Every structure is written in structure tokens, then in C-alpha cells.
N, C-alpha and C. Protein backbone atom coordinates (compact mmCIF):
# COMPACT_ATOMS: atom_id res chain seq x y z
N MET A 1 17.05 -33.52 -9.25
CA MET A 1 17.96 -34.53 -9.74
C MET A 1 17.14 -35.72 -10.23
N HIS A 2 17.57 -36.30 -11.31
CA HIS A 2 16.91 -37.47 -11.86
C HIS A 2 17.17 -38.66 -10.94
N PRO A 3 16.15 -39.49 -10.65
CA PRO A 3 16.33 -40.61 -9.72
C PRO A 3 17.43 -41.59 -10.14
N VAL A 4 17.55 -41.86 -11.44
CA VAL A 4 18.58 -42.79 -11.90
C VAL A 4 19.98 -42.24 -11.60
N LEU A 5 20.16 -40.95 -11.82
CA LEU A 5 21.44 -40.33 -11.51
C LEU A 5 21.74 -40.41 -10.01
N GLY A 6 20.71 -40.22 -9.19
CA GLY A 6 20.88 -40.32 -7.74
C GLY A 6 21.34 -41.71 -7.31
N TRP A 7 20.73 -42.74 -7.89
CA TRP A 7 21.12 -44.10 -7.55
C TRP A 7 22.52 -44.42 -8.06
N ILE A 8 22.86 -43.91 -9.22
CA ILE A 8 24.23 -44.13 -9.75
C ILE A 8 25.25 -43.48 -8.84
N LEU A 9 24.97 -42.26 -8.37
CA LEU A 9 25.88 -41.59 -7.45
C LEU A 9 25.99 -42.34 -6.12
N ALA A 10 24.88 -42.88 -5.63
CA ALA A 10 24.91 -43.64 -4.37
C ALA A 10 25.77 -44.89 -4.51
N VAL A 11 25.59 -45.61 -5.62
CA VAL A 11 26.40 -46.82 -5.85
C VAL A 11 27.87 -46.45 -6.00
N ALA A 12 28.15 -45.35 -6.71
CA ALA A 12 29.54 -44.91 -6.86
C ALA A 12 30.14 -44.52 -5.50
N PHE A 13 29.34 -43.89 -4.64
CA PHE A 13 29.80 -43.52 -3.31
C PHE A 13 30.13 -44.75 -2.47
N VAL A 14 29.27 -45.77 -2.54
CA VAL A 14 29.53 -47.01 -1.80
C VAL A 14 30.77 -47.70 -2.36
N GLY A 15 30.91 -47.74 -3.68
CA GLY A 15 32.10 -48.35 -4.30
C GLY A 15 33.39 -47.63 -3.93
N LEU A 16 33.36 -46.31 -3.95
CA LEU A 16 34.53 -45.53 -3.57
C LEU A 16 34.88 -45.74 -2.09
N ALA A 17 33.84 -45.81 -1.26
CA ALA A 17 34.07 -46.04 0.16
C ALA A 17 34.69 -47.41 0.39
N TRP A 18 34.24 -48.42 -0.36
CA TRP A 18 34.82 -49.76 -0.24
C TRP A 18 36.28 -49.76 -0.66
N TRP A 19 36.56 -49.08 -1.75
CA TRP A 19 37.92 -49.03 -2.29
C TRP A 19 38.86 -48.31 -1.32
N GLN A 20 38.39 -47.25 -0.69
CA GLN A 20 39.24 -46.46 0.19
C GLN A 20 39.36 -47.04 1.61
N TYR A 21 38.23 -47.51 2.18
CA TYR A 21 38.22 -47.85 3.60
C TYR A 21 37.74 -49.25 3.92
N GLY A 22 37.40 -50.04 2.91
CA GLY A 22 36.94 -51.41 3.19
C GLY A 22 35.52 -51.43 3.73
N TRP A 23 35.25 -52.41 4.59
CA TRP A 23 33.88 -52.59 5.08
C TRP A 23 33.43 -51.42 5.95
N GLN A 24 34.34 -50.74 6.64
CA GLN A 24 33.95 -49.59 7.44
C GLN A 24 33.46 -48.45 6.53
N GLY A 25 34.11 -48.29 5.40
CA GLY A 25 33.68 -47.28 4.44
C GLY A 25 32.31 -47.58 3.86
N VAL A 26 32.05 -48.87 3.58
CA VAL A 26 30.74 -49.27 3.07
C VAL A 26 29.67 -48.98 4.11
N LEU A 27 29.97 -49.30 5.36
CA LEU A 27 29.02 -49.03 6.43
C LEU A 27 28.73 -47.53 6.54
N PHE A 28 29.77 -46.71 6.46
CA PHE A 28 29.57 -45.26 6.50
C PHE A 28 28.76 -44.78 5.30
N ALA A 29 29.07 -45.26 4.10
CA ALA A 29 28.38 -44.83 2.88
C ALA A 29 26.90 -45.23 2.92
N LEU A 30 26.62 -46.45 3.38
CA LEU A 30 25.22 -46.87 3.48
C LEU A 30 24.47 -46.05 4.51
N THR A 31 25.14 -45.72 5.61
CA THR A 31 24.51 -44.88 6.63
C THR A 31 24.20 -43.49 6.05
N ALA A 32 25.13 -42.94 5.29
CA ALA A 32 24.91 -41.62 4.69
C ALA A 32 23.76 -41.67 3.68
N CYS A 33 23.67 -42.75 2.89
CA CYS A 33 22.59 -42.88 1.90
C CYS A 33 21.23 -43.01 2.60
N VAL A 34 21.16 -43.80 3.66
CA VAL A 34 19.90 -43.95 4.41
C VAL A 34 19.51 -42.62 5.04
N PHE A 35 20.48 -41.88 5.57
CA PHE A 35 20.19 -40.57 6.15
C PHE A 35 19.62 -39.64 5.09
N TRP A 36 20.20 -39.64 3.89
CA TRP A 36 19.70 -38.79 2.80
C TRP A 36 18.26 -39.16 2.43
N LEU A 37 17.98 -40.46 2.35
CA LEU A 37 16.62 -40.90 2.03
C LEU A 37 15.63 -40.50 3.12
N LEU A 38 16.05 -40.57 4.39
CA LEU A 38 15.18 -40.14 5.48
C LEU A 38 14.91 -38.63 5.42
N LEU A 39 15.91 -37.86 5.04
CA LEU A 39 15.69 -36.41 4.88
C LEU A 39 14.66 -36.12 3.79
N GLN A 40 14.75 -36.85 2.67
CA GLN A 40 13.80 -36.64 1.58
C GLN A 40 12.39 -37.06 1.98
N PHE A 41 12.28 -38.17 2.72
CA PHE A 41 10.99 -38.65 3.19
C PHE A 41 10.38 -37.65 4.16
N ASN A 42 11.19 -37.12 5.06
CA ASN A 42 10.72 -36.13 6.03
C ASN A 42 10.23 -34.87 5.33
N ARG A 43 10.94 -34.46 4.28
CA ARG A 43 10.54 -33.27 3.52
C ARG A 43 9.17 -33.48 2.86
N ALA A 44 8.98 -34.66 2.27
CA ALA A 44 7.69 -34.97 1.63
C ALA A 44 6.56 -35.00 2.65
N LEU A 45 6.82 -35.58 3.82
CA LEU A 45 5.79 -35.61 4.86
C LEU A 45 5.44 -34.22 5.36
N ARG A 46 6.43 -33.35 5.49
CA ARG A 46 6.18 -31.99 5.95
C ARG A 46 5.31 -31.23 4.94
N VAL A 47 5.58 -31.41 3.65
CA VAL A 47 4.77 -30.76 2.62
C VAL A 47 3.33 -31.26 2.68
N MET A 48 3.16 -32.57 2.83
CA MET A 48 1.81 -33.14 2.88
C MET A 48 1.08 -32.72 4.16
N ARG A 49 1.79 -32.62 5.28
CA ARG A 49 1.17 -32.18 6.54
C ARG A 49 0.69 -30.74 6.42
N ASN A 50 1.49 -29.88 5.79
CA ASN A 50 1.09 -28.49 5.60
C ASN A 50 -0.10 -28.38 4.66
N ALA A 51 -0.15 -29.23 3.65
CA ALA A 51 -1.24 -29.19 2.68
C ALA A 51 -2.52 -29.79 3.24
N ALA A 52 -2.41 -30.64 4.26
CA ALA A 52 -3.58 -31.30 4.82
C ALA A 52 -4.49 -30.33 5.55
N GLY A 53 -3.98 -29.18 5.95
CA GLY A 53 -4.78 -28.22 6.70
C GLY A 53 -5.69 -27.36 5.86
N LYS A 54 -5.58 -27.41 4.55
CA LYS A 54 -6.38 -26.56 3.67
C LYS A 54 -7.26 -27.41 2.77
N PRO A 55 -8.34 -26.82 2.26
CA PRO A 55 -9.19 -27.56 1.32
C PRO A 55 -8.45 -27.86 0.02
N VAL A 56 -8.80 -28.96 -0.61
CA VAL A 56 -8.18 -29.35 -1.87
C VAL A 56 -8.51 -28.33 -2.94
N GLY A 57 -7.50 -27.87 -3.63
CA GLY A 57 -7.69 -26.96 -4.74
C GLY A 57 -7.86 -25.51 -4.35
N HIS A 58 -7.61 -25.15 -3.10
CA HIS A 58 -7.76 -23.76 -2.66
C HIS A 58 -6.39 -23.17 -2.37
N VAL A 59 -6.19 -21.93 -2.80
CA VAL A 59 -4.94 -21.22 -2.55
C VAL A 59 -5.30 -19.80 -2.12
N ASP A 60 -4.45 -19.18 -1.32
CA ASP A 60 -4.73 -17.82 -0.85
C ASP A 60 -4.79 -16.82 -2.00
N SER A 61 -3.82 -16.92 -2.94
CA SER A 61 -3.78 -16.01 -4.08
C SER A 61 -3.30 -16.77 -5.32
N ALA A 62 -4.19 -16.90 -6.28
CA ALA A 62 -3.83 -17.59 -7.52
C ALA A 62 -2.77 -16.82 -8.30
N VAL A 63 -2.80 -15.50 -8.21
CA VAL A 63 -1.83 -14.67 -8.91
C VAL A 63 -0.42 -14.90 -8.34
N MET A 64 -0.32 -14.99 -7.00
CA MET A 64 0.98 -15.24 -6.38
C MET A 64 1.51 -16.62 -6.74
N LEU A 65 0.63 -17.62 -6.74
CA LEU A 65 1.05 -18.96 -7.15
C LEU A 65 1.53 -18.93 -8.60
N HIS A 66 0.78 -18.26 -9.47
CA HIS A 66 1.15 -18.16 -10.88
C HIS A 66 2.53 -17.53 -11.04
N SER A 67 2.83 -16.52 -10.24
CA SER A 67 4.12 -15.82 -10.39
C SER A 67 5.30 -16.65 -9.90
N LYS A 68 5.05 -17.64 -9.03
CA LYS A 68 6.15 -18.44 -8.48
C LYS A 68 6.42 -19.71 -9.28
N LEU A 69 5.56 -20.03 -10.25
CA LEU A 69 5.76 -21.24 -11.05
C LEU A 69 6.83 -21.03 -12.12
N ARG A 70 7.50 -22.13 -12.47
CA ARG A 70 8.47 -22.12 -13.56
C ARG A 70 8.54 -23.53 -14.15
N PRO A 71 8.95 -23.66 -15.39
CA PRO A 71 9.01 -24.98 -16.02
C PRO A 71 10.00 -25.88 -15.29
N GLY A 72 9.64 -27.16 -15.17
CA GLY A 72 10.52 -28.14 -14.54
C GLY A 72 10.38 -28.24 -13.04
N LEU A 73 9.51 -27.43 -12.44
CA LEU A 73 9.31 -27.45 -10.99
C LEU A 73 8.61 -28.76 -10.61
N LEU A 74 9.13 -29.45 -9.58
CA LEU A 74 8.51 -30.69 -9.13
C LEU A 74 7.12 -30.42 -8.58
N LEU A 75 6.22 -31.39 -8.77
CA LEU A 75 4.85 -31.25 -8.27
C LEU A 75 4.85 -31.09 -6.76
N MET A 76 5.77 -31.77 -6.07
CA MET A 76 5.85 -31.62 -4.62
C MET A 76 6.20 -30.18 -4.25
N ARG A 77 7.03 -29.53 -5.04
CA ARG A 77 7.39 -28.14 -4.77
C ARG A 77 6.20 -27.21 -5.05
N VAL A 78 5.41 -27.51 -6.07
CA VAL A 78 4.22 -26.72 -6.37
C VAL A 78 3.23 -26.82 -5.21
N VAL A 79 3.06 -28.03 -4.67
CA VAL A 79 2.17 -28.23 -3.52
C VAL A 79 2.71 -27.46 -2.32
N ALA A 80 4.03 -27.45 -2.14
CA ALA A 80 4.62 -26.70 -1.02
C ALA A 80 4.38 -25.20 -1.18
N ILE A 81 4.49 -24.69 -2.39
CA ILE A 81 4.25 -23.26 -2.63
C ILE A 81 2.78 -22.92 -2.40
N ALA A 82 1.87 -23.77 -2.91
CA ALA A 82 0.44 -23.51 -2.78
C ALA A 82 -0.08 -23.81 -1.38
N ARG A 83 0.62 -24.66 -0.65
CA ARG A 83 0.20 -25.12 0.68
C ARG A 83 -1.16 -25.79 0.64
N SER A 84 -1.43 -26.44 -0.50
CA SER A 84 -2.68 -27.16 -0.69
C SER A 84 -2.51 -28.13 -1.84
N LEU A 85 -3.19 -29.27 -1.75
CA LEU A 85 -3.19 -30.20 -2.87
C LEU A 85 -4.06 -29.64 -3.97
N GLY A 86 -3.66 -29.82 -5.21
CA GLY A 86 -4.45 -29.33 -6.33
C GLY A 86 -5.60 -30.27 -6.64
N ARG A 87 -6.68 -29.70 -7.17
CA ARG A 87 -7.81 -30.52 -7.61
C ARG A 87 -7.48 -31.04 -9.00
N LYS A 88 -7.52 -32.37 -9.16
CA LYS A 88 -7.16 -32.97 -10.45
C LYS A 88 -8.28 -32.72 -11.45
N VAL A 89 -7.88 -32.12 -12.59
CA VAL A 89 -8.85 -31.76 -13.62
C VAL A 89 -8.90 -32.82 -14.71
N SER A 90 -7.74 -33.34 -15.12
CA SER A 90 -7.71 -34.36 -16.16
C SER A 90 -6.51 -35.28 -15.95
N ASP A 91 -6.57 -36.44 -16.63
CA ASP A 91 -5.51 -37.44 -16.50
C ASP A 91 -4.47 -37.39 -17.61
N ASP A 92 -4.90 -37.10 -18.82
CA ASP A 92 -3.94 -37.13 -19.93
C ASP A 92 -4.05 -35.86 -20.75
N PRO A 93 -3.22 -34.90 -20.60
CA PRO A 93 -2.12 -34.81 -19.63
C PRO A 93 -2.66 -34.49 -18.24
N GLU A 94 -1.85 -34.78 -17.25
CA GLU A 94 -2.25 -34.49 -15.87
C GLU A 94 -2.39 -32.99 -15.68
N ARG A 95 -3.54 -32.56 -15.18
CA ARG A 95 -3.78 -31.14 -14.92
C ARG A 95 -4.33 -31.00 -13.51
N TYR A 96 -3.79 -30.03 -12.79
CA TYR A 96 -4.24 -29.72 -11.44
C TYR A 96 -4.65 -28.26 -11.39
N GLU A 97 -5.68 -27.98 -10.60
CA GLU A 97 -6.20 -26.62 -10.52
C GLU A 97 -6.24 -26.14 -9.07
N TRP A 98 -5.84 -24.90 -8.86
CA TRP A 98 -5.95 -24.21 -7.58
C TRP A 98 -6.77 -22.94 -7.82
N THR A 99 -7.74 -22.68 -6.94
CA THR A 99 -8.61 -21.51 -7.06
C THR A 99 -8.54 -20.69 -5.78
N ASP A 100 -8.61 -19.35 -5.92
CA ASP A 100 -8.62 -18.50 -4.73
C ASP A 100 -10.04 -17.97 -4.49
N ALA A 101 -10.20 -17.16 -3.46
CA ALA A 101 -11.53 -16.67 -3.06
C ALA A 101 -12.14 -15.73 -4.09
N SER A 102 -11.33 -15.06 -4.90
CA SER A 102 -11.86 -14.12 -5.90
C SER A 102 -12.36 -14.82 -7.16
N GLY A 103 -12.10 -16.12 -7.28
CA GLY A 103 -12.52 -16.86 -8.46
C GLY A 103 -11.42 -17.09 -9.47
N ALA A 104 -10.26 -16.48 -9.26
CA ALA A 104 -9.12 -16.70 -10.16
C ALA A 104 -8.57 -18.10 -9.90
N SER A 105 -8.08 -18.73 -10.95
CA SER A 105 -7.55 -20.08 -10.79
C SER A 105 -6.28 -20.26 -11.61
N VAL A 106 -5.47 -21.20 -11.17
CA VAL A 106 -4.25 -21.57 -11.88
C VAL A 106 -4.38 -23.04 -12.23
N ILE A 107 -4.18 -23.36 -13.51
CA ILE A 107 -4.20 -24.74 -13.97
C ILE A 107 -2.77 -25.10 -14.38
N VAL A 108 -2.25 -26.16 -13.77
CA VAL A 108 -0.87 -26.58 -14.01
C VAL A 108 -0.89 -27.91 -14.74
N VAL A 109 -0.15 -27.99 -15.85
CA VAL A 109 0.00 -29.23 -16.60
C VAL A 109 1.28 -29.90 -16.13
N VAL A 110 1.17 -31.17 -15.72
CA VAL A 110 2.30 -31.91 -15.14
C VAL A 110 2.62 -33.11 -16.02
N ARG A 111 3.88 -33.25 -16.36
CA ARG A 111 4.37 -34.44 -17.08
C ARG A 111 5.56 -34.98 -16.34
N ASP A 112 5.54 -36.28 -16.05
CA ASP A 112 6.61 -36.96 -15.33
C ASP A 112 6.90 -36.30 -13.98
N GLY A 113 5.87 -35.82 -13.31
CA GLY A 113 6.02 -35.24 -11.99
C GLY A 113 6.57 -33.83 -11.97
N ARG A 114 6.71 -33.21 -13.14
CA ARG A 114 7.26 -31.86 -13.22
C ARG A 114 6.29 -30.93 -13.94
N CYS A 115 6.29 -29.69 -13.51
CA CYS A 115 5.44 -28.66 -14.09
C CYS A 115 5.90 -28.38 -15.52
N GLU A 116 5.00 -28.52 -16.46
CA GLU A 116 5.35 -28.26 -17.86
C GLU A 116 4.85 -26.87 -18.29
N THR A 117 3.57 -26.65 -18.14
CA THR A 117 2.97 -25.35 -18.45
C THR A 117 1.93 -25.03 -17.39
N TRP A 118 1.52 -23.78 -17.34
CA TRP A 118 0.48 -23.36 -16.41
C TRP A 118 -0.25 -22.18 -17.01
N GLU A 119 -1.46 -21.95 -16.50
CA GLU A 119 -2.29 -20.89 -17.04
C GLU A 119 -3.08 -20.24 -15.89
N LEU A 120 -3.14 -18.93 -15.89
CA LEU A 120 -3.93 -18.19 -14.91
C LEU A 120 -5.25 -17.82 -15.57
N ARG A 121 -6.35 -18.16 -14.91
CA ARG A 121 -7.68 -17.80 -15.41
C ARG A 121 -8.36 -16.94 -14.36
N ARG A 122 -8.90 -15.83 -14.81
CA ARG A 122 -9.62 -14.93 -13.89
C ARG A 122 -11.11 -15.04 -14.17
N ASP A 123 -11.90 -14.95 -13.12
CA ASP A 123 -13.35 -15.03 -13.23
C ASP A 123 -13.86 -13.78 -13.95
N ALA A 124 -14.60 -13.97 -15.02
CA ALA A 124 -15.09 -12.83 -15.83
C ALA A 124 -16.18 -12.04 -15.09
N THR A 125 -16.88 -12.67 -14.14
CA THR A 125 -17.97 -11.99 -13.45
C THR A 125 -17.47 -11.21 -12.23
N ALA A 126 -16.22 -11.38 -11.86
CA ALA A 126 -15.69 -10.67 -10.70
C ALA A 126 -15.54 -9.20 -11.04
N PRO A 127 -15.79 -8.31 -10.07
CA PRO A 127 -15.64 -6.88 -10.35
C PRO A 127 -14.17 -6.53 -10.55
N SER A 128 -13.92 -5.64 -11.49
CA SER A 128 -12.54 -5.23 -11.74
C SER A 128 -12.12 -4.20 -10.70
N PRO A 129 -10.82 -4.17 -10.39
CA PRO A 129 -10.35 -3.21 -9.38
C PRO A 129 -10.46 -1.78 -9.90
N PRO A 130 -10.63 -0.83 -9.00
CA PRO A 130 -10.74 0.57 -9.45
C PRO A 130 -9.42 1.06 -10.03
N PRO A 131 -9.49 2.04 -10.96
CA PRO A 131 -8.26 2.52 -11.62
C PRO A 131 -7.37 3.32 -10.69
């Protein structure tokens, strides 16, 4: 959800609560909004805690990460899928890289905090699997 839309919905919820129930409704609506924000904060902390246990830019399988990506995916969700923070490759556009033990890597291009494109690169010197 776009942050502006979220804030508009929150203000509309508080306004509707005021109109229907007065100050008690406003108190309930503000409590519900704070609870929602705490849930989002807790989710972000959980993703970062899980990512803190692994080296930056390392993923178990670059191919599996590549298969789970899709356009518009939030960077926080990509970090949750990879269970590791990506190694920043460039600033404009923002690019993050995850590499696995076989040398394969996934480079994700991020714009406005969302996955725009991604590319799987395999190490040319790695032995190919048997037929």
C-alpha cells in the first residue's frame, strides 16, 4: 500500500469514528492506528533480526531467490526472502547483490523501495552439472 493512501485511510477512520461515536470513537481509532503501526514496526524488526545472522550479500540459493522475485516487491520483502541484507552495488539506480556458495548471484534493481528488475548471473568457471 502506498504510504499516502495509508495516512488518508487512517485520517478517514478517525473522522468516521468521531462522527459516529464522538471522543470515544476517536480514542478507539487512534488506538487501532497505533496498534497497526506497532505491528508494522515489529515486522520490520523481525526481518532485520533474521537477516542479522547471515553475512551481507550471501544467500543459500541464488536460483531460488531469483524464482521468488517479482516486479513491485518491497525491498523489505526481498530481504525477508533472502534472509540476508544485500550487498549494495550502485547508488543510481540502487542495485543490491546476493551471491550463493556456487558463485551464482542475483542483482536486484530497486526504485522507490520496490524491486524493478533483477538478473541471475552464474559463475562461468563453475563446473556444469552432469547431464
